[in-house]
């Protein structure tokens, strides 16, 4: 019996999965078996793997696409049945450094209290930058977040306990997984690794990221335009917090996600970004109705380009004054987004930012923009001054002001509609767990 079973989940990435396997075969530590779980690929993935590696790897073919959750779920079940002391999960677009398996294995052997240990992942397109070095669960925004990302590569000797590690390159202790279980396969994709690591911690085992082990990971598909990602990430995020939040915070969570969803959709609809509106709504509605697994046809709508009056106006404005009434971190985040947006449409514009308007001659500027948390929170018009938020929503005329002014009424009715469904869904999820 080998010490490690390595499981790669693949769907329609023939060339990448072949390179992924090759990187594993070049490891300094070799006491492992390689499996590829193929999710009914329609390209030449299986044929290329068999032609290149023949019987040196095992291919597990699913009859239909089960997503990353189902693919890794089958891998985990196979590892448990085979009895490997450890197993690894690797994305088909992740490429291990030559010592990654060795470093993870050595660490797990020395630390019996660790259930899951991940590698430091670097951007495939920019290997000098850290993509992920452990993650945390942000209970203030009911969201996930990287602990360290975007910075220059850390050269080893960084061991971090963390809430979760990404499953693109991770090793797990089989005896621990027998205690806390495998992936939530009904996710299809996204938030499965976060829930898996949460179960690991709750069972009394640690989750660690090991900076001595490294992998390059392709994230070229991650974008706000990726409606596939936005549907599954939101639907499964709602399910995660509904399952694991303390009972006393469940109403707060409902209020947060309904306001978050509706404010985003309200602004997107005003800019005619209907792909975003309907995809996000379907994600929330499917969560409320207990719909899991692969999304039904028509639930994920292609991205729609915005039709934004602000973008049109920016092309004509030469002098712009930006007023930051709070000058807090949130204002600076909004300012950062807005400046990028301005430069996108008019790189020659002269932009001035101020904390107060007392000494400003507003008439000397083509436009005065006032930063706000979100235009749906605006109660009074300041026209001709223009309210702008981080999502580039803008109140530029009376029509926009009246549209966003009615938001609170719409939100109240929206919550009345969904509260009974939410309450029912919470009970279902909690009953399944306990």
Protein backbone atom coordinates (compact mmCIF):
# COMPACT_ATOMS: atom_id res chain seq x y z
CA UNK A 1 0.00 0.00 0.00
CA UNK A 2 1.34 3.39 -1.01
CA UNK A 3 1.33 6.20 1.56
CA UNK A 4 -0.68 8.67 -0.52
CA UNK A 5 -3.49 8.58 -3.04
CA UNK A 6 -3.46 11.65 -5.30
CA UNK A 7 -6.77 12.64 -6.92
CA UNK A 8 -7.09 15.15 -9.75
CA UNK A 9 -10.55 16.37 -10.71
CA UNK A 10 -10.91 17.10 -14.42
CA UNK A 11 -13.49 18.42 -16.83
CA UNK A 12 -12.63 19.38 -20.40
CA UNK A 13 -9.07 20.56 -19.82
CA UNK A 14 -7.14 17.91 -21.73
CA UNK A 15 -3.83 19.71 -22.16
CA UNK A 16 -3.79 21.10 -18.63
CA UNK A 17 -4.61 17.82 -16.92
CA UNK A 18 -1.81 16.06 -18.82
CA UNK A 19 0.64 18.73 -17.60
CA UNK A 20 -0.81 18.47 -14.09
CA UNK A 21 -0.10 14.73 -14.01
CA UNK A 22 3.40 15.29 -15.38
CA UNK A 23 4.21 17.72 -12.54
CA UNK A 24 3.13 15.05 -10.05
CA UNK A 25 5.26 12.40 -11.73
CA UNK A 26 8.31 14.66 -11.31
CA UNK A 27 7.94 14.92 -7.52
CA UNK A 28 10.92 14.23 -5.24
CA UNK A 29 8.70 11.95 -3.12
CA UNK A 30 7.14 9.10 -5.10
CA UNK A 31 5.25 6.82 -2.69
CA UNK A 32 1.82 7.53 -4.16
CA UNK A 33 -0.79 6.41 -6.66
CA UNK A 34 -2.29 8.87 -9.15
CA UNK A 35 -6.00 8.99 -9.97
CA UNK A 36 -7.84 11.29 -12.36
CA UNK A 37 -11.55 11.67 -11.68
CA UNK A 38 -13.01 12.73 -15.02
CA UNK A 39 -16.40 14.44 -14.99
CA UNK A 40 -17.66 13.10 -18.33
CA UNK A 41 -15.35 15.33 -20.39
CA UNK A 42 -16.38 15.87 -24.00
CA UNK A 43 -12.89 16.83 -25.21
CA UNK A 44 -9.96 14.44 -25.57
CA UNK A 45 -9.03 14.39 -21.87
CA UNK A 46 -9.41 10.67 -21.24
CA UNK A 47 -7.85 9.67 -24.56
CA UNK A 48 -4.82 11.94 -24.06
CA UNK A 49 -4.29 10.70 -20.50
CA UNK A 50 -4.41 7.06 -21.58
CA UNK A 51 -2.14 7.68 -24.54
CA UNK A 52 0.40 9.62 -22.48
CA UNK A 53 0.46 7.66 -19.22
CA UNK A 54 -1.09 4.30 -20.11
CA UNK A 55 -1.56 2.18 -16.97
CA UNK A 56 0.64 4.30 -14.67
CA UNK A 57 -2.43 6.25 -13.54
CA UNK A 58 -6.02 5.25 -12.76
CA UNK A 59 -8.88 7.08 -14.47
CA UNK A 60 -12.23 7.17 -12.68
CA UNK A 61 -14.90 8.21 -15.18
CA UNK A 62 -18.15 9.74 -13.98
CA UNK A 63 -21.16 9.25 -16.22
CA UNK A 64 -22.08 12.92 -15.88
CA UNK A 65 -20.44 16.15 -14.79
CA UNK A 66 -20.58 16.15 -10.98
CA UNK A 67 -18.58 19.36 -10.62
CA UNK A 68 -15.51 19.77 -8.48
CA UNK A 69 -17.50 18.86 -5.38
CA UNK A 70 -18.71 15.56 -6.80
CA UNK A 71 -15.42 14.77 -8.51
CA UNK A 72 -13.38 15.27 -5.37
CA UNK A 73 -16.12 13.56 -3.40
CA UNK A 74 -15.60 10.41 -5.45
CA UNK A 75 -11.86 10.74 -4.96
CA UNK A 76 -12.25 10.98 -1.19
CA UNK A 77 -14.50 7.92 -1.08
CA UNK A 78 -11.96 5.99 -3.16
CA UNK A 79 -9.15 7.03 -0.81
CA UNK A 80 -11.11 5.88 2.23
CA UNK A 81 -11.95 2.55 0.61
CA UNK A 82 -8.33 1.96 -0.46
CA UNK A 83 -6.99 2.82 3.00
CA UNK A 84 -4.23 5.29 2.08
CA UNK A 85 -2.86 6.98 5.22
CA UNK A 86 -3.06 10.30 3.34
CA UNK A 87 -4.61 11.60 0.16
CA UNK A 88 -4.27 14.73 -1.95
CA UNK A 89 -6.82 16.72 -3.94
CA UNK A 90 -5.47 18.69 -6.90
CA UNK A 91 -7.25 20.83 -9.49
CA UNK A 92 -6.54 19.99 -13.11
CA UNK A 93 -5.15 23.51 -13.61
CA UNK A 94 -2.77 23.36 -10.62
CA UNK A 95 0.88 22.47 -11.12
CA UNK A 96 2.93 21.32 -8.14
CA UNK A 97 6.47 22.37 -7.38
CA UNK A 98 8.79 19.33 -7.36
CA UNK A 99 8.97 19.16 -3.54
CA UNK A 100 5.30 19.87 -2.75
CA UNK A 101 4.20 16.30 -2.01
CA UNK A 102 7.33 15.69 0.07
CA UNK A 103 6.87 18.88 2.11
CA UNK A 104 3.19 18.23 2.82
CA UNK A 105 3.81 14.58 3.70
CA UNK A 106 6.70 15.38 6.07
CA UNK A 107 4.62 18.01 7.84
CA UNK A 108 1.61 15.74 8.26
CA UNK A 109 3.79 12.95 9.61
CA UNK A 110 5.19 15.27 12.30
CA UNK A 111 1.88 16.89 13.29
CA UNK A 112 -0.80 14.35 14.11
CA UNK A 113 -3.27 17.04 15.18
CA UNK A 114 -3.49 18.44 11.64
CA UNK A 115 -6.33 17.08 9.53
CA UNK A 116 -5.84 19.14 6.36
CA UNK A 117 -2.70 20.84 5.06
CA UNK A 118 -2.62 22.98 1.92
CA UNK A 119 0.14 24.33 -0.28
CA UNK A 120 0.90 27.98 -0.95
CA UNK A 121 -0.62 28.73 -4.35
CA UNK A 122 0.89 31.22 -6.79
CA UNK A 123 -0.67 32.75 -9.88
CA UNK A 124 0.13 30.71 -12.98
CA UNK A 125 0.14 33.92 -15.03
CA UNK A 126 2.35 35.72 -12.46
CA UNK A 127 4.32 33.17 -10.41
CA UNK A 128 5.99 35.88 -8.34
CA UNK A 129 2.68 36.68 -6.62
CA UNK A 130 0.83 34.74 -3.94
CA UNK A 131 -2.68 33.74 -4.95
CA UNK A 132 -3.59 32.04 -1.70
CA UNK A 133 -1.86 31.29 1.57
CA UNK A 134 -4.75 30.20 3.72
CA UNK A 135 -8.17 31.75 4.14
CA UNK A 136 -10.39 33.17 6.84
CA UNK A 137 -14.16 33.29 7.23
CA UNK A 138 -15.33 36.89 7.63
CA UNK A 139 -18.33 36.82 9.97
CA UNK A 140 -18.87 40.58 9.69
CA UNK A 141 -19.62 40.37 5.94
CA UNK A 142 -20.62 36.70 5.87
CA UNK A 143 -17.93 36.08 3.29
CA UNK A 144 -14.56 34.39 2.77
CA UNK A 145 -11.24 36.16 2.42
CA UNK A 146 -7.60 35.31 1.83
CA UNK A 147 -5.20 35.81 4.72
CA UNK A 148 -2.28 36.59 2.44
CA UNK A 149 -2.74 37.19 -1.29
CA UNK A 150 -1.42 39.47 -4.00
CA UNK A 151 1.98 39.97 -2.37
CA UNK A 152 5.34 38.75 -3.59
CA UNK A 153 6.00 35.04 -3.11
CA UNK A 154 7.03 34.00 0.38
CA UNK A 155 10.10 31.78 0.21
CA UNK A 156 9.24 28.97 2.59
CA UNK A 157 9.11 28.62 6.37
CA UNK A 158 5.61 30.10 6.62
CA UNK A 159 3.20 27.82 8.44
CA UNK A 160 -0.24 29.28 9.15
CA UNK A 161 -3.23 27.86 10.93
CA UNK A 162 -6.27 29.12 9.05
CA UNK A 163 -10.02 28.66 8.71
CA UNK A 164 -9.63 26.90 5.37
CA UNK A 165 -7.25 26.09 2.53
CA UNK A 166 -8.17 25.95 -1.14
CA UNK A 167 -8.66 22.42 -2.43
CA UNK A 168 -6.61 23.07 -5.58
CA UNK A 169 -3.55 21.51 -3.86
CA UNK A 170 -4.23 20.01 -0.45
CA UNK A 171 -3.31 16.90 1.59
CA UNK A 172 -5.61 15.29 4.15
CA UNK A 173 -5.18 12.70 6.88
CA UNK A 174 -7.44 9.76 6.06
CA UNK A 175 -8.08 8.78 9.69
CA UNK A 176 -9.28 12.33 10.41
CA UNK A 177 -11.53 12.44 7.35
CA UNK A 178 -13.19 9.24 8.55
CA UNK A 179 -14.28 11.32 11.56
CA UNK A 180 -15.48 14.55 9.91
CA UNK A 181 -16.44 13.29 6.45
CA UNK A 182 -15.94 14.34 2.86
CA UNK A 183 -17.02 17.16 0.58
CA UNK A 184 -20.56 18.58 0.44
CA UNK A 185 -21.11 17.09 -3.01
CA UNK A 186 -24.40 18.90 -3.54
CA UNK A 187 -22.47 22.18 -3.90
CA UNK A 188 -21.32 21.15 -7.38
CA UNK A 189 -18.50 23.71 -7.10
CA UNK A 190 -17.27 26.49 -4.76
CA UNK A 191 -17.45 26.74 -0.96
CA UNK A 192 -17.00 22.95 -0.75
CA UNK A 193 -13.43 23.24 0.53
CA UNK A 194 -14.47 25.92 3.04
CA UNK A 195 -17.19 23.69 4.48
CA UNK A 196 -14.86 20.67 4.48
CA UNK A 197 -12.25 22.59 6.48
CA UNK A 198 -14.92 23.90 8.85
CA UNK A 199 -15.96 20.32 9.58
CA UNK A 200 -12.30 19.47 10.17
CA UNK A 201 -11.93 22.19 12.82
CA UNK A 202 -15.23 21.24 14.47
CA UNK A 203 -14.02 17.64 14.76
CA UNK A 204 -10.95 18.79 16.70
CA UNK A 205 -8.35 18.75 13.92
CA UNK A 206 -6.35 21.71 12.66
CA UNK A 207 -6.25 23.20 9.17
CA UNK A 208 -2.84 24.52 8.12
CA UNK A 209 -1.23 26.02 5.04
CA UNK A 210 2.43 25.14 4.50
CA UNK A 211 4.47 27.74 2.61
CA UNK A 212 7.25 25.23 1.97
CA UNK A 213 4.90 23.45 -0.45
CA UNK A 214 3.95 25.43 -3.55
CA UNK A 215 1.70 25.14 -6.58
CA UNK A 216 0.95 27.32 -9.58
CA UNK A 217 -2.78 27.75 -10.18
CA UNK A 218 -4.64 29.12 -13.18
CA UNK A 219 -7.25 31.72 -12.17
CA UNK A 220 -7.79 33.32 -15.57
CA UNK A 221 -11.52 32.55 -15.41
CA UNK A 222 -12.13 34.45 -12.15
CA UNK A 223 -13.99 37.65 -13.07
CA UNK A 224 -17.17 39.55 -12.24
CA UNK A 225 -18.20 38.63 -15.78
CA UNK A 226 -18.12 34.95 -14.85
CA UNK A 227 -21.79 34.27 -14.13
CA UNK A 228 -21.04 30.58 -13.52
CA UNK A 229 -18.82 31.54 -10.60
CA UNK A 230 -21.23 34.15 -9.25
CA UNK A 231 -24.19 31.76 -9.23
CA UNK A 232 -22.48 28.88 -7.42
CA UNK A 233 -20.35 31.03 -5.10
CA UNK A 234 -23.41 32.92 -3.87
CA UNK A 235 -25.83 29.99 -3.65
CA UNK A 236 -23.36 27.83 -1.71
CA UNK A 237 -22.21 30.71 0.47
CA UNK A 238 -25.80 31.23 1.63
CA UNK A 239 -26.08 27.52 2.42
CA UNK A 240 -22.79 27.48 4.33
CA UNK A 241 -23.68 30.29 6.73
CA UNK A 242 -27.24 29.04 7.16
CA UNK A 243 -25.74 25.75 8.39
CA UNK A 244 -22.88 26.95 10.57
CA UNK A 245 -23.80 30.35 12.02
CA UNK A 246 -24.87 30.47 15.67
CA UNK A 247 -28.64 30.39 16.02
CA UNK A 248 -28.77 33.94 17.36
CA UNK A 249 -27.20 35.37 14.17
CA UNK A 250 -29.49 33.77 11.59
CA UNK A 251 -31.92 36.69 11.43
CA UNK A 252 -29.01 39.13 11.08
CA UNK A 253 -27.71 37.00 8.21
CA UNK A 254 -31.08 37.10 6.47
CA UNK A 255 -31.25 40.88 6.74
CA UNK A 256 -27.69 41.19 5.44
CA UNK A 257 -27.98 38.95 2.38
CA UNK A 258 -31.36 40.31 1.29
CA UNK A 259 -30.05 43.89 1.43
CA UNK A 260 -26.79 42.87 -0.23
CA UNK A 261 -28.54 41.00 -3.04
CA UNK A 262 -31.25 43.55 -3.69
CA UNK A 263 -28.95 46.59 -3.59
CA UNK A 264 -26.59 44.93 -6.09
CA UNK A 265 -29.47 43.89 -8.32
CA UNK A 266 -31.19 47.26 -8.03
CA UNK A 267 -28.10 49.04 -9.32
CA UNK A 268 -27.43 46.40 -11.98
CA UNK A 269 -31.00 46.61 -13.29
CA UNK A 270 -30.75 50.40 -13.57
CA UNK A 271 -27.67 49.89 -15.76
CA UNK A 272 -29.48 47.17 -17.76
CA UNK A 273 -27.08 44.44 -16.60
CA UNK A 274 -29.82 41.83 -16.69
CA UNK A 275 -27.47 38.84 -16.80
CA UNK A 276 -26.18 39.76 -13.35
CA UNK A 277 -29.65 40.50 -11.98
CA UNK A 278 -31.24 37.21 -12.99
CA UNK A 279 -28.22 35.03 -12.19
CA UNK A 280 -27.89 36.46 -8.67
CA UNK A 281 -31.64 36.19 -8.12
CA UNK A 282 -31.63 32.56 -9.24
CA UNK A 283 -28.77 31.82 -6.82
CA UNK A 284 -30.68 33.30 -3.89
CA UNK A 285 -34.00 31.78 -4.90
CA UNK A 286 -32.49 28.32 -5.39
CA UNK A 287 -30.93 28.50 -1.94
CA UNK A 288 -34.25 29.51 -0.41
CA UNK A 289 -36.02 26.60 -2.12
CA UNK A 290 -33.35 24.04 -1.23
CA UNK A 291 -32.18 23.51 -4.81
CA UNK A 292 -28.61 22.18 -4.91
CA UNK A 293 -26.29 20.37 -7.30
CA UNK A 294 -25.75 21.40 -10.89
CA UNK A 295 -27.78 24.45 -11.90
CA UNK A 296 -30.72 23.85 -14.20
CA UNK A 297 -30.53 25.22 -17.73
CA UNK A 298 -31.45 28.90 -17.81
CA UNK A 299 -30.38 29.62 -14.23
CA UNK A 300 -27.00 31.09 -15.21
CA UNK A 301 -27.48 33.98 -17.62
CA UNK A 302 -24.59 35.32 -19.75
CA UNK A 303 -23.00 38.56 -18.62
CA UNK A 304 -24.66 41.72 -19.95
CA UNK A 305 -22.55 44.81 -20.61
CA UNK A 306 -23.63 47.85 -18.61
CA UNK A 307 -25.50 50.77 -20.10
CA UNK A 308 -24.29 53.41 -17.66
CA UNK A 309 -25.00 57.12 -18.05
CA UNK A 310 -22.00 57.85 -15.84
CA UNK A 311 -19.65 56.18 -18.33
CA UNK A 312 -21.11 58.23 -21.18
CA UNK A 313 -20.72 61.48 -19.23
CA UNK A 314 -17.14 60.75 -18.19
CA UNK A 315 -16.06 60.90 -21.82
CA UNK A 316 -17.21 64.53 -21.94
CA UNK A 317 -16.00 65.84 -18.57
CA UNK A 318 -12.57 67.48 -18.46
CA UNK A 319 -12.50 68.68 -14.83
CA UNK A 320 -13.95 66.46 -12.09
CA UNK A 321 -14.19 67.19 -8.36
CA UNK A 322 -14.62 64.22 -6.01
CA UNK A 323 -15.96 64.92 -2.53
CA UNK A 324 -15.16 62.37 0.22
CA UNK A 325 -17.39 63.34 3.18
CA UNK A 326 -16.19 60.57 5.53
CA UNK A 327 -12.63 59.87 4.29
CA UNK A 328 -12.81 56.43 5.92
CA UNK A 329 -11.42 53.19 4.48
CA UNK A 330 -14.71 52.46 2.71
CA UNK A 331 -14.50 55.86 0.99
CA UNK A 332 -10.96 55.14 -0.15
CA UNK A 333 -12.09 51.79 -1.58
CA UNK A 334 -14.84 53.59 -3.47
CA UNK A 335 -12.37 56.23 -4.63
CA UNK A 336 -10.00 53.56 -5.92
CA UNK A 337 -12.77 51.94 -7.98
CA UNK A 338 -14.01 55.28 -9.25
CA UNK A 339 -10.57 56.53 -10.33
CA UNK A 340 -10.00 53.35 -12.33
CA UNK A 341 -13.40 53.85 -13.93
CA UNK A 342 -12.66 57.48 -14.81
CA UNK A 343 -9.31 56.58 -16.37
CA UNK A 344 -10.98 53.82 -18.37
CA UNK A 345 -13.23 56.32 -20.15
CA UNK A 346 -11.21 59.54 -19.99
CA UNK A 347 -7.55 59.23 -19.11
CA UNK A 348 -7.02 62.95 -19.80
CA UNK A 349 -9.54 64.11 -17.19
CA UNK A 350 -8.26 66.40 -14.43
CA UNK A 351 -9.45 64.93 -11.11
CA UNK A 352 -9.37 66.70 -7.73
CA UNK A 353 -10.36 64.99 -4.46
CA UNK A 354 -11.37 66.95 -1.34
CA UNK A 355 -12.64 66.23 2.18
CA UNK A 356 -14.85 69.34 2.27
CA UNK A 357 -16.59 71.67 -0.18
CA UNK A 358 -16.37 74.91 1.80
CA UNK A 359 -13.42 76.31 -0.16
CA UNK A 360 -14.37 74.81 -3.53
CA UNK A 361 -15.94 76.66 -6.42
CA UNK A 362 -18.12 73.84 -7.69
CA UNK A 363 -19.20 75.80 -10.77
CA UNK A 364 -15.63 75.64 -12.10
CA UNK A 365 -15.89 71.86 -12.56
CA UNK A 366 -17.73 69.90 -15.22
CA UNK A 367 -18.99 67.55 -12.50
CA UNK A 368 -18.90 67.20 -8.72
CA UNK A 369 -19.12 63.60 -7.51
CA UNK A 370 -19.94 62.80 -3.88
CA UNK A 371 -18.94 59.35 -2.65
CA UNK A 372 -21.53 57.33 -0.75
CA UNK A 373 -21.87 53.85 0.75
CA UNK A 374 -24.49 52.86 -1.84
CA UNK A 375 -26.94 54.93 -3.84
CA UNK A 376 -29.84 52.94 -2.36
CA UNK A 377 -28.97 54.51 1.02
CA UNK A 378 -29.30 58.08 -0.30
CA UNK A 379 -32.30 59.89 1.20
CA UNK A 380 -31.94 63.44 -0.11
CA UNK A 381 -30.98 64.72 -3.53
CA UNK A 382 -27.92 66.97 -3.86
CA UNK A 383 -28.30 67.56 -7.60
CA UNK A 384 -26.52 68.86 -9.60
CA UNK A 385 -23.90 67.19 -7.39
CA UNK A 386 -23.83 63.48 -8.24
CA UNK A 387 -23.84 60.65 -5.71
CA UNK A 388 -21.56 57.75 -6.75
CA UNK A 389 -20.86 54.44 -4.97
CA UNK A 390 -18.21 51.72 -5.29
CA UNK A 391 -20.26 49.89 -7.94
CA UNK A 392 -20.30 52.98 -10.17
CA UNK A 393 -24.00 53.50 -9.59
CA UNK A 394 -24.75 57.20 -9.90
CA UNK A 395 -27.68 59.52 -9.17
CA UNK A 396 -27.32 61.92 -12.09
CA UNK A 397 -30.90 63.16 -12.49
CA UNK A 398 -34.34 63.16 -10.89
CA UNK A 399 -35.28 59.89 -12.59
CA UNK A 400 -32.37 58.08 -10.93
CA UNK A 401 -33.07 59.77 -7.58
CA UNK A 402 -36.71 58.61 -7.54
CA UNK A 403 -35.73 55.10 -8.66
CA UNK A 404 -33.26 54.59 -5.82
CA UNK A 405 -35.38 56.48 -3.28
CA UNK A 406 -38.01 53.72 -3.47
CA UNK A 407 -35.48 51.04 -2.54
CA UNK A 408 -36.49 50.70 1.12
CA UNK A 409 -40.11 49.93 0.19
CA UNK A 410 -39.01 47.29 -2.31
CA UNK A 411 -36.60 45.76 0.23
CA UNK A 412 -39.31 45.56 2.89
CA UNK A 413 -41.67 43.70 0.55
CA UNK A 414 -38.85 41.48 -0.69
CA UNK A 415 -38.06 40.40 2.86
CA UNK A 416 -41.71 39.68 3.61
CA UNK A 417 -41.80 37.39 0.59
CA UNK A 418 -38.64 35.45 1.46
CA UNK A 419 -38.70 35.25 5.27
CA UNK A 420 -41.04 32.19 5.41
CA UNK A 421 -38.90 30.36 2.83
CA UNK A 422 -35.72 31.25 4.69
CA UNK A 423 -37.10 30.04 8.02
CA UNK A 424 -38.15 26.74 6.45
CA UNK A 425 -34.77 26.29 4.76
CA UNK A 426 -32.89 26.90 8.02
CA UNK A 427 -34.89 24.19 9.77
CA UNK A 428 -34.22 21.73 6.94
CA UNK A 429 -30.47 22.35 6.96
CA UNK A 430 -30.19 22.17 10.74
CA UNK A 431 -32.21 18.95 10.86
CA UNK A 432 -29.89 17.40 8.26
CA UNK A 433 -26.87 18.30 10.40
CA UNK A 434 -28.18 17.25 13.80
